[in-house]
N, C-alpha and C. Protein backbone atom coordinates (compact mmCIF):
# COMPACT_ATOMS: atom_id res chain seq x y z
N MET A 1 0.77 -1.24 0.01
CA MET A 1 0.03 0.07 -0.05
C MET A 1 0.91 1.15 -0.05
N LYS A 2 1.94 1.24 0.87
CA LYS A 2 2.71 2.44 1.01
C LYS A 2 3.53 2.60 -0.25
N LYS A 3 3.98 1.56 -1.05
CA LYS A 3 4.84 1.54 -2.16
C LYS A 3 3.76 2.13 -3.45
N GLY A 4 2.76 1.74 -3.42
CA GLY A 4 1.65 2.34 -4.37
C GLY A 4 1.40 3.72 -4.15
N MET A 5 1.31 4.21 -2.92
CA MET A 5 0.99 5.57 -2.73
C MET A 5 2.35 6.34 -3.11
N THR A 6 3.55 5.86 -2.97
CA THR A 6 4.69 6.58 -3.29
C THR A 6 4.83 6.53 -4.90
N ILE A 7 4.48 5.67 -5.61
CA ILE A 7 4.38 5.67 -7.00
C ILE A 7 3.49 6.67 -7.49
N ILE A 8 2.25 6.60 -6.90
CA ILE A 8 1.22 7.61 -7.48
C ILE A 8 1.57 8.93 -7.17
N ALA A 9 2.33 9.28 -5.88
CA ALA A 9 2.75 10.48 -5.81
C ALA A 9 3.87 11.02 -6.63
N GLY A 10 4.83 9.93 -6.83
CA GLY A 10 5.88 10.28 -7.77
C GLY A 10 5.36 10.59 -9.29
N ALA A 11 4.34 9.90 -9.65
CA ALA A 11 3.68 10.13 -10.89
C ALA A 11 3.00 11.46 -11.00
N PHE A 12 2.31 11.84 -9.97
CA PHE A 12 1.69 13.13 -10.04
C PHE A 12 2.75 14.25 -10.07
N PHE A 13 3.81 14.22 -9.28
CA PHE A 13 4.82 15.24 -9.27
C PHE A 13 5.47 15.44 -10.58
N LEU A 14 5.70 14.10 -11.29
CA LEU A 14 6.35 14.16 -12.65
C LEU A 14 5.44 14.81 -13.46
N ALA A 15 4.15 14.71 -13.61
CA ALA A 15 3.06 15.17 -14.53
C ALA A 15 3.04 16.71 -14.27
N ALA A 16 3.23 17.05 -12.94
CA ALA A 16 2.91 18.57 -12.62
C ALA A 16 4.28 19.32 -13.16
N PHE A 17 5.29 18.60 -13.06
CA PHE A 17 6.60 19.23 -13.49
C PHE A 17 6.60 19.37 -15.00
N MET A 18 6.07 18.30 -15.82
CA MET A 18 6.00 18.52 -17.16
C MET A 18 5.11 19.43 -17.55
N VAL A 19 4.09 19.66 -17.04
CA VAL A 19 2.87 20.70 -17.28
C VAL A 19 3.67 22.09 -17.26
N LEU A 20 4.32 22.35 -16.06
CA LEU A 20 4.91 23.65 -15.73
C LEU A 20 6.03 23.90 -16.64
N SER A 21 6.72 22.90 -17.13
CA SER A 21 7.73 23.06 -18.07
C SER A 21 7.33 23.58 -19.48
N VAL A 22 6.13 22.84 -19.93
CA VAL A 22 5.63 23.29 -21.04
C VAL A 22 5.04 24.49 -21.13
N GLN A 23 4.33 25.02 -19.92
CA GLN A 23 3.84 26.31 -19.86
C GLN A 23 4.97 27.29 -19.77
N SER A 24 5.84 27.01 -19.18
CA SER A 24 7.06 28.12 -19.02
C SER A 24 7.85 28.32 -20.41
N GLN A 25 7.77 27.27 -21.28
CA GLN A 25 8.33 27.39 -22.57
C GLN A 25 7.40 28.03 -23.25
N GLU A 26 6.24 27.92 -23.35
CA GLU A 26 5.10 28.84 -24.04
C GLU A 26 5.29 30.31 -23.61
N ASP A 27 5.64 30.57 -22.56
CA ASP A 27 5.83 32.05 -22.07
C ASP A 27 7.14 32.70 -22.74
N MET A 28 8.03 31.86 -23.22
CA MET A 28 9.37 32.34 -23.63
C MET A 28 8.86 33.05 -24.94
N ALA A 29 9.69 34.17 -24.92
CA ALA A 29 9.75 35.07 -26.04
C ALA A 29 11.10 35.62 -26.29
N GLU A 30 11.64 35.92 -27.58
CA GLU A 30 12.73 36.21 -27.80
C GLU A 30 12.93 37.52 -28.82
N VAL A 31 14.01 38.20 -28.75
CA VAL A 31 14.18 39.14 -29.78
C VAL A 31 14.30 38.49 -31.30
N ASP A 32 13.66 39.09 -32.11
CA ASP A 32 13.56 38.44 -33.35
C ASP A 32 15.04 38.37 -34.06
N PRO A 33 15.45 37.16 -34.47
CA PRO A 33 16.89 36.89 -34.60
C PRO A 33 16.83 36.79 -36.24
N SER A 34 15.80 37.04 -36.88
CA SER A 34 15.68 36.44 -38.28
C SER A 34 16.45 37.32 -39.36
N VAL A 35 17.05 38.50 -38.85
CA VAL A 35 17.74 39.39 -39.71
C VAL A 35 19.27 38.89 -39.78
N PHE A 36 19.69 38.09 -38.89
CA PHE A 36 20.99 37.73 -38.57
C PHE A 36 21.26 36.44 -39.45
N MET A 37 22.17 36.38 -40.24
CA MET A 37 22.37 35.25 -41.10
C MET A 37 23.10 34.21 -40.25
N ASN A 38 24.14 34.46 -39.57
CA ASN A 38 24.83 33.35 -38.98
C ASN A 38 25.13 33.92 -37.39
N PRO A 39 23.91 33.82 -36.68
CA PRO A 39 24.05 34.21 -35.24
C PRO A 39 25.14 33.66 -34.55
N GLN A 40 25.92 34.34 -33.75
CA GLN A 40 27.04 33.67 -32.91
C GLN A 40 26.26 33.05 -31.65
N ARG A 41 25.33 33.51 -31.22
CA ARG A 41 24.60 33.18 -30.05
C ARG A 41 23.25 32.92 -30.17
N PRO A 42 22.47 32.20 -29.46
CA PRO A 42 21.01 32.01 -29.45
C PRO A 42 20.33 33.55 -29.38
N ALA A 43 19.04 33.47 -29.82
CA ALA A 43 18.44 34.80 -29.67
C ALA A 43 18.15 35.22 -28.25
N ALA A 44 18.21 36.40 -27.86
CA ALA A 44 18.15 36.77 -26.36
C ALA A 44 16.59 36.63 -26.03
N VAL A 45 16.48 35.93 -25.00
CA VAL A 45 15.24 35.61 -24.29
C VAL A 45 14.59 37.00 -23.64
N PHE A 46 13.39 37.45 -24.09
CA PHE A 46 12.86 38.61 -23.53
C PHE A 46 11.34 38.39 -23.57
N LYS A 47 10.77 38.59 -22.12
CA LYS A 47 9.37 38.39 -21.87
C LYS A 47 9.16 39.84 -21.79
N HIS A 48 8.51 40.44 -22.79
CA HIS A 48 8.24 41.92 -22.76
C HIS A 48 7.44 42.48 -21.75
N ASP A 49 6.14 41.93 -21.60
CA ASP A 49 5.11 42.44 -20.27
C ASP A 49 5.95 42.21 -18.94
N GLU A 50 6.42 41.06 -18.82
CA GLU A 50 7.21 40.65 -17.44
C GLU A 50 8.33 41.68 -17.24
N HIS A 51 9.20 41.96 -18.30
CA HIS A 51 10.26 42.93 -18.05
C HIS A 51 9.69 44.31 -17.61
N ASN A 52 8.86 44.71 -18.41
CA ASN A 52 8.19 46.08 -18.27
C ASN A 52 7.62 46.17 -16.68
N GLU A 53 6.87 45.09 -16.49
CA GLU A 53 6.28 45.27 -15.05
C GLU A 53 7.41 45.14 -14.02
N THR A 54 8.44 44.48 -14.05
CA THR A 54 9.65 44.29 -13.21
C THR A 54 10.32 45.54 -13.02
N ALA A 55 10.66 46.16 -14.43
CA ALA A 55 11.42 47.29 -14.48
C ALA A 55 10.64 48.52 -14.04
N GLY A 56 9.36 48.47 -13.92
CA GLY A 56 8.50 49.64 -13.79
C GLY A 56 8.34 50.60 -14.98
N ILE A 57 8.53 49.99 -16.12
CA ILE A 57 8.48 50.84 -17.49
C ILE A 57 6.91 50.97 -17.84
N GLU A 58 6.59 52.21 -17.98
CA GLU A 58 5.10 52.43 -18.34
C GLU A 58 5.09 53.01 -19.83
N GLU A 59 5.98 53.61 -20.06
CA GLU A 59 5.90 54.42 -21.52
C GLU A 59 6.61 53.78 -22.51
N CYS A 60 6.25 53.35 -23.68
CA CYS A 60 6.99 52.57 -24.68
C CYS A 60 8.10 53.18 -25.15
N ASN A 61 8.13 54.50 -25.27
CA ASN A 61 9.27 55.28 -25.68
C ASN A 61 10.45 55.12 -24.92
N GLU A 62 10.35 54.63 -23.77
CA GLU A 62 11.59 54.51 -22.84
C GLU A 62 12.41 53.49 -23.51
N CYS A 63 12.04 52.46 -24.32
CA CYS A 63 12.90 51.49 -25.04
C CYS A 63 12.66 51.75 -26.58
N HIS A 64 11.34 52.06 -26.99
CA HIS A 64 11.32 52.18 -28.50
C HIS A 64 11.41 53.58 -28.82
N HIS A 65 12.67 54.21 -29.07
CA HIS A 65 12.88 55.57 -29.29
C HIS A 65 12.73 55.71 -30.69
N VAL A 66 12.78 57.24 -30.94
CA VAL A 66 12.76 57.59 -32.32
C VAL A 66 13.83 58.97 -32.39
N TYR A 67 14.62 58.83 -33.46
CA TYR A 67 15.50 59.93 -33.57
C TYR A 67 15.19 60.63 -34.91
N GLU A 68 15.42 61.88 -34.98
CA GLU A 68 15.24 62.80 -36.12
C GLU A 68 16.46 63.75 -36.24
N ASP A 69 17.22 63.67 -37.21
CA ASP A 69 18.22 64.57 -37.47
C ASP A 69 19.25 64.31 -36.19
N GLY A 70 19.44 63.11 -35.72
CA GLY A 70 20.40 62.95 -34.71
C GLY A 70 19.96 63.29 -33.25
N LYS A 71 18.63 63.77 -33.08
CA LYS A 71 18.13 64.25 -31.67
C LYS A 71 16.76 63.18 -31.33
N LEU A 72 16.91 62.91 -30.13
CA LEU A 72 15.75 62.02 -29.66
C LEU A 72 14.58 62.92 -29.54
N LEU A 73 13.42 62.17 -30.08
CA LEU A 73 12.30 62.84 -30.06
C LEU A 73 11.71 62.15 -28.84
N GLU A 74 11.62 62.96 -27.70
CA GLU A 74 11.33 62.48 -26.40
C GLU A 74 9.82 61.76 -26.35
N TYR A 75 8.81 62.31 -27.03
CA TYR A 75 7.57 61.75 -26.95
C TYR A 75 7.05 60.95 -27.94
N GLU A 76 7.86 60.65 -28.93
CA GLU A 76 7.61 59.76 -29.92
C GLU A 76 8.09 58.21 -29.71
N SER A 77 7.38 57.36 -30.34
CA SER A 77 7.63 55.93 -29.94
C SER A 77 7.62 55.12 -31.20
N SER A 78 8.47 54.26 -31.30
CA SER A 78 8.61 53.32 -32.43
C SER A 78 8.22 51.85 -32.21
N GLU A 79 7.18 51.91 -31.41
CA GLU A 79 6.63 50.56 -30.87
C GLU A 79 6.21 49.70 -31.87
N ASP A 80 5.63 50.21 -33.06
CA ASP A 80 4.91 49.51 -34.06
C ASP A 80 6.03 49.02 -35.34
N MET A 81 7.28 49.26 -34.82
CA MET A 81 8.41 48.81 -35.86
C MET A 81 9.28 47.84 -35.21
N ARG A 82 9.96 47.16 -36.15
CA ARG A 82 11.08 46.41 -35.45
C ARG A 82 12.45 47.12 -35.46
N CYS A 83 13.29 46.70 -34.64
CA CYS A 83 14.46 47.46 -34.56
C CYS A 83 15.25 47.36 -35.84
N GLY A 84 15.09 46.38 -36.63
CA GLY A 84 15.73 46.23 -37.77
C GLY A 84 15.28 47.11 -38.91
N ASP A 85 14.13 47.80 -38.68
CA ASP A 85 13.61 48.66 -39.59
C ASP A 85 14.46 49.87 -39.67
N CYS A 86 15.09 50.42 -38.66
CA CYS A 86 15.95 51.41 -38.68
C CYS A 86 17.38 51.02 -38.68
N HIS A 87 17.53 50.09 -37.96
CA HIS A 87 19.28 49.77 -37.73
C HIS A 87 19.52 48.55 -38.57
N GLY A 88 20.50 48.59 -39.46
CA GLY A 88 21.08 47.75 -40.41
C GLY A 88 22.19 46.78 -39.45
N LEU A 89 22.59 45.84 -40.32
CA LEU A 89 23.65 45.03 -39.73
C LEU A 89 24.81 45.75 -39.61
N GLU A 90 25.21 46.84 -40.41
CA GLU A 90 26.35 47.44 -40.09
C GLU A 90 25.82 49.00 -39.88
N ALA A 91 26.85 49.66 -39.08
CA ALA A 91 26.44 51.14 -38.58
C ALA A 91 26.52 51.99 -39.79
N GLU A 92 25.66 52.91 -39.88
CA GLU A 92 25.58 54.02 -40.90
C GLU A 92 25.63 55.20 -40.22
N GLY A 93 26.80 55.97 -40.42
CA GLY A 93 26.84 57.35 -39.94
C GLY A 93 26.70 57.28 -38.46
N ASN A 94 25.89 58.05 -37.88
CA ASN A 94 25.69 58.03 -36.47
C ASN A 94 24.78 56.94 -35.82
N MET A 95 24.15 56.22 -36.70
CA MET A 95 23.31 55.23 -36.40
C MET A 95 24.18 53.84 -36.06
N PRO A 96 23.97 53.26 -34.83
CA PRO A 96 24.69 52.07 -34.51
C PRO A 96 24.00 50.95 -35.34
N SER A 97 24.93 49.88 -35.47
CA SER A 97 24.47 48.61 -35.99
C SER A 97 23.29 47.89 -35.22
N LEU A 98 22.67 47.05 -35.75
CA LEU A 98 21.45 46.42 -35.02
C LEU A 98 22.02 45.90 -33.79
N VAL A 99 23.13 45.02 -33.77
CA VAL A 99 23.77 44.39 -32.48
C VAL A 99 24.14 45.40 -31.51
N LYS A 100 24.72 46.56 -31.78
CA LYS A 100 25.25 47.75 -31.03
C LYS A 100 23.88 48.42 -30.36
N ALA A 101 22.86 48.57 -31.21
CA ALA A 101 21.69 49.12 -30.99
C ALA A 101 20.95 48.32 -29.78
N PHE A 102 20.99 47.02 -30.00
CA PHE A 102 20.39 46.07 -29.00
C PHE A 102 21.13 46.34 -27.61
N HIS A 103 22.49 46.07 -27.78
CA HIS A 103 23.31 46.10 -26.54
C HIS A 103 23.31 47.32 -25.86
N GLY A 104 23.40 48.38 -26.67
CA GLY A 104 23.45 49.82 -26.09
C GLY A 104 22.14 50.12 -25.45
N ASN A 105 20.81 49.73 -25.97
CA ASN A 105 19.63 50.00 -25.33
C ASN A 105 19.40 49.16 -24.27
N CYS A 106 19.45 47.90 -24.28
CA CYS A 106 19.11 46.94 -23.11
C CYS A 106 20.35 46.87 -22.16
N LYS A 107 21.47 46.65 -22.41
CA LYS A 107 22.49 46.34 -21.51
C LYS A 107 22.76 47.78 -20.88
N GLY A 108 22.68 48.77 -21.69
CA GLY A 108 23.04 50.33 -21.25
C GLY A 108 22.20 50.72 -20.11
N CYS A 109 20.82 50.36 -20.32
CA CYS A 109 19.78 50.79 -19.51
C CYS A 109 20.02 49.89 -18.28
N HIS A 110 20.38 48.60 -18.24
CA HIS A 110 20.59 47.74 -17.03
C HIS A 110 21.79 48.36 -16.36
N GLU A 111 22.81 48.62 -16.70
CA GLU A 111 23.81 49.25 -16.27
C GLU A 111 23.51 50.38 -15.57
N LYS A 112 22.94 51.41 -16.35
CA LYS A 112 22.32 52.63 -15.65
C LYS A 112 21.36 52.37 -14.40
N GLN A 113 20.60 51.58 -14.50
CA GLN A 113 19.65 51.26 -13.41
C GLN A 113 20.19 50.40 -12.27
N LYS A 114 21.37 49.62 -12.57
CA LYS A 114 22.11 48.82 -11.83
C LYS A 114 21.18 47.66 -11.46
N GLY A 115 20.57 47.21 -12.54
CA GLY A 115 19.66 46.02 -12.31
C GLY A 115 19.47 45.45 -13.74
N GLY A 116 19.25 44.01 -13.67
CA GLY A 116 19.00 43.35 -15.14
C GLY A 116 20.32 42.73 -15.61
N PRO A 117 20.19 41.87 -16.42
CA PRO A 117 21.27 41.10 -16.98
C PRO A 117 22.18 41.92 -17.89
N ILE A 118 23.57 41.64 -17.68
CA ILE A 118 24.59 42.38 -18.53
C ILE A 118 25.59 41.46 -19.15
N MET A 119 25.55 40.23 -18.62
CA MET A 119 26.42 39.19 -19.34
C MET A 119 25.74 38.53 -20.40
N CYS A 120 26.54 38.33 -21.37
CA CYS A 120 26.00 37.57 -22.62
C CYS A 120 25.07 36.40 -22.33
N GLY A 121 25.41 35.52 -21.49
CA GLY A 121 24.71 34.10 -21.20
C GLY A 121 23.50 34.44 -20.54
N GLU A 122 23.06 35.59 -19.98
CA GLU A 122 22.11 36.11 -19.08
C GLU A 122 20.77 36.28 -20.07
N CYS A 123 21.23 36.83 -21.27
CA CYS A 123 20.26 37.11 -22.25
C CYS A 123 20.08 35.97 -23.25
N HIS A 124 21.30 35.79 -23.79
CA HIS A 124 21.42 34.57 -24.84
C HIS A 124 21.45 33.29 -24.10
N VAL A 125 20.34 32.68 -23.72
CA VAL A 125 20.33 31.41 -23.03
C VAL A 125 20.27 30.27 -23.99
N ARG A 126 21.33 29.34 -23.86
CA ARG A 126 21.60 28.14 -24.79
C ARG A 126 20.51 27.12 -24.11
């Protein structure tokens, strides 16, 4: 009887673990890597809503910026665009490459706020 209960309890915990694992994978989101031909690392894992809630970000333009003639348009937002719509694989003039734009925007903010991932493997999870 005791052995049977142990087996049933073990099966229950295994099933619960599998369900939670599948659900957590469904919540996974990543920065769109499609523009990179031969990425050196996996796409950066990024859960948009969870990130903004944790960071206390309420305005889209805090991350989704717009520049005109080299000046930040403070109240404009590019949330309906992909980063690659403006940033190319190579830097052009004052506009950084897509990789530098991602790292400068995300990692730069994390360093400034003294919170969030800054090491490669913390975002680019294998």
